[in-house]
Protein backbone atom coordinates (compact mmCIF):
# COMPACT_ATOMS: atom_id res chain seq x y z
CA ALA A 1 -0.92 -11.92 -13.76
CA TRP A 2 -1.56 -8.92 -11.55
CA ALA A 3 -5.22 -8.00 -11.35
CA ARG A 4 -6.32 -4.46 -10.69
CA LYS A 5 -7.68 -3.99 -7.22
CA ASN A 6 -11.20 -2.73 -6.51
CA VAL A 7 -11.92 0.23 -4.27
CA LEU A 8 -15.34 1.17 -2.98
CA ILE A 9 -15.79 4.87 -2.19
CA CYS A 10 -18.51 5.77 0.31
CA CYS A 11 -18.36 9.52 0.90
CA ALA A 12 -21.17 11.94 1.71
CA ASP A 13 -19.44 14.97 0.19
CA GLN A 14 -19.35 14.93 -3.61
CA ASN A 15 -16.19 17.06 -3.77
CA GLN A 16 -14.33 14.66 -1.48
CA ARG A 17 -15.60 11.72 -3.51
CA GLN A 18 -14.30 13.30 -6.73
CA ILE A 19 -10.90 14.09 -5.23
CA ILE A 20 -10.54 10.53 -3.94
CA GLU A 21 -11.61 9.09 -7.26
CA GLN A 22 -9.18 11.31 -9.18
CA VAL A 23 -6.15 10.54 -7.02
CA ILE A 24 -6.58 6.76 -6.94
CA THR A 25 -8.24 5.96 -10.26
CA ASN A 26 -4.92 5.12 -11.96
CA ASN A 27 -4.20 2.29 -9.56
CA TYR A 28 -7.67 0.91 -8.80
CA ASP A 29 -11.00 0.13 -10.39
CA THR A 30 -13.33 2.44 -8.52
CA HIS A 31 -16.91 1.82 -7.46
CA ILE A 32 -18.97 4.65 -6.01
CA ALA A 33 -21.88 4.01 -3.66
CA GLN A 34 -24.66 6.55 -3.20
CA SER A 35 -26.29 4.76 -0.26
CA SER A 36 -25.45 2.14 2.33
CA ALA A 37 -27.72 -0.37 0.57
CA GLN A 38 -25.83 0.19 -2.68
CA ALA A 39 -22.48 -0.11 -0.87
CA LEU A 40 -23.47 -3.46 0.63
CA GLU A 41 -24.71 -4.64 -2.78
CA ILE A 42 -21.40 -3.69 -4.41
CA MET A 43 -19.51 -5.50 -1.64
CA HIS A 44 -21.62 -8.57 -2.29
CA ASP A 45 -21.06 -8.49 -6.08
CA VAL A 46 -17.43 -7.34 -6.29
CA LYS A 47 -14.35 -8.44 -4.37
CA VAL A 48 -13.60 -5.12 -2.69
CA ASP A 49 -9.93 -4.73 -1.78
CA MET A 50 -10.18 -1.24 -0.33
CA LEU A 51 -13.03 0.68 1.25
CA VAL A 52 -12.79 4.46 1.59
CA LEU A 53 -15.43 5.49 4.09
CA ASP A 54 -16.71 8.81 5.37
CA PRO A 55 -18.54 8.41 8.72
CA GLN A 56 -21.19 10.85 7.42
CA PHE A 57 -21.94 8.64 4.40
CA ASP A 58 -25.70 8.13 3.99
CA ALA A 59 -26.24 9.81 7.36
CA ALA A 60 -30.03 9.50 7.23
CA ARG A 61 -29.66 5.71 7.41
CA GLN A 62 -26.46 5.70 9.49
CA GLY A 63 -24.73 4.35 6.40
CA GLY A 64 -21.17 4.82 7.59
CA ILE A 65 -21.86 2.75 10.68
CA ALA A 66 -23.83 0.15 8.70
CA VAL A 67 -21.03 -0.37 6.17
CA LEU A 68 -18.34 -0.51 8.85
CA ARG A 69 -20.45 -2.93 10.90
CA HIS A 70 -20.84 -5.18 7.84
CA VAL A 71 -17.09 -5.21 7.21
CA SER A 72 -16.36 -5.89 10.88
CA SER A 73 -18.79 -8.80 10.92
CA LEU A 74 -17.00 -10.64 8.11
CA MET A 75 -15.00 -13.75 8.90
CA PRO A 76 -11.40 -12.72 9.74
CA LYS A 77 -9.95 -14.23 6.56
CA TYR A 78 -12.24 -11.99 4.48
CA ARG A 79 -12.05 -8.92 6.72
CA ARG A 80 -8.26 -9.02 6.62
CA ARG A 81 -8.41 -8.67 2.82
CA ILE A 82 -10.36 -5.38 2.91
CA TYR A 83 -8.23 -2.35 3.60
CA VAL A 84 -10.48 0.24 5.28
CA VAL A 85 -9.66 3.95 5.03
CA LEU A 86 -11.60 6.36 7.26
CA VAL A 87 -11.81 9.89 5.81
CA SER A 88 -12.94 12.56 8.24
CA PRO A 89 -12.13 16.10 9.34
CA GLN A 90 -12.08 14.81 12.95
CA VAL A 91 -9.06 12.50 12.54
CA LYS A 92 -5.36 13.03 11.94
CA THR A 93 -3.81 11.43 8.89
CA LEU A 94 -1.92 8.21 9.69
CA ASP A 95 -3.12 8.19 13.30
CA THR A 96 -2.74 4.51 14.16
CA TYR A 97 -4.42 4.88 17.56
CA MET A 98 -7.59 6.37 16.02
CA ALA A 99 -7.48 3.75 13.28
CA PHE A 100 -7.40 1.02 15.92
CA LEU A 101 -10.27 2.61 17.90
CA ASN A 102 -12.41 2.85 14.76
CA CYS A 103 -11.56 -0.68 13.51
CA VAL A 104 -10.01 0.65 10.30
CA ASN A 105 -6.58 0.36 8.73
CA LEU A 106 -5.92 4.01 7.98
CA THR A 107 -7.23 7.43 8.97
CA VAL A 108 -7.04 10.39 6.59
CA ASN A 109 -7.99 13.94 7.41
CA THR A 110 -10.11 15.52 4.66
CA ASP A 111 -7.56 18.33 4.31
CA ASP A 112 -4.96 15.75 3.26
CA LEU A 113 -6.92 14.09 0.44
CA GLU A 114 -4.60 15.50 -2.23
CA SER A 115 -1.76 13.55 -0.57
CA LEU A 116 -3.75 10.32 -0.53
CA PRO A 117 -1.53 8.45 -3.05
CA ALA A 118 1.60 9.00 -0.94
CA VAL A 119 -0.24 8.25 2.31
CA LEU A 120 -1.68 5.04 0.82
CA GLU A 121 1.71 3.98 -0.49
CA LYS A 122 3.29 4.25 2.96
CA SER A 123 0.37 2.69 4.78
CA LEU A 124 -0.10 -0.19 2.32
CA LYS A 125 3.62 -0.94 2.49
CA ASP A 126 3.34 -1.26 6.28
CA PHE A 127 0.15 -3.34 5.96
CA ASN A 128 1.71 -5.74 3.44
CA GLU A 129 4.79 -6.13 5.61
CA LEU A 130 2.67 -6.88 8.69
CA TYR A 131 0.65 -9.55 6.86
CA ARG A 132 3.53 -10.92 4.74
CA PRO A 133 3.64 -14.32 6.55
CA TYR A 134 -0.14 -14.67 6.17
CA PHE A 135 -0.09 -13.81 2.47
CA GLU A 136 2.88 -16.07 1.79
CA ALA A 137 1.13 -18.95 3.55
CA GLY A 138 -1.70 -18.74 1.04
CA GLY A 139 -3.93 -16.16 2.65
CA GLY A 140 -4.18 -14.12 -0.54
CA ASP A 141 -2.14 -11.61 -2.47
CA PHE A 142 -0.64 -8.35 -1.39
CA LEU A 143 -2.56 -5.09 -1.74
């Protein structure tokens, strides 16, 4: 049976957070973090399949960096299972070079949040195709 996937939203701007939640809530169980400590607690308690992260999240505690550092420090077999989306006005949507530099799977410009379902569909299709041999060999299920 197909289980709904979990997404953790870590955004500083409440309007962005609401837009993201609205456009992906039909396909995912959403969890919203208000602080980096809460984000790490949710990641500990729930199998997070997707992380939507704003670099300005919990800026007073450098929360965006702390959450990304935590994800990057996971063992590869666990890190590979978390699809990380960086949402920022400083990046272009679907910029694979910036995604690589920031150790994330996808970059989304804040102006393109309304198009997030279509962007995710394309990007997740590419991701699943890239990791198809891994998933088929027992590394987990597709996103």
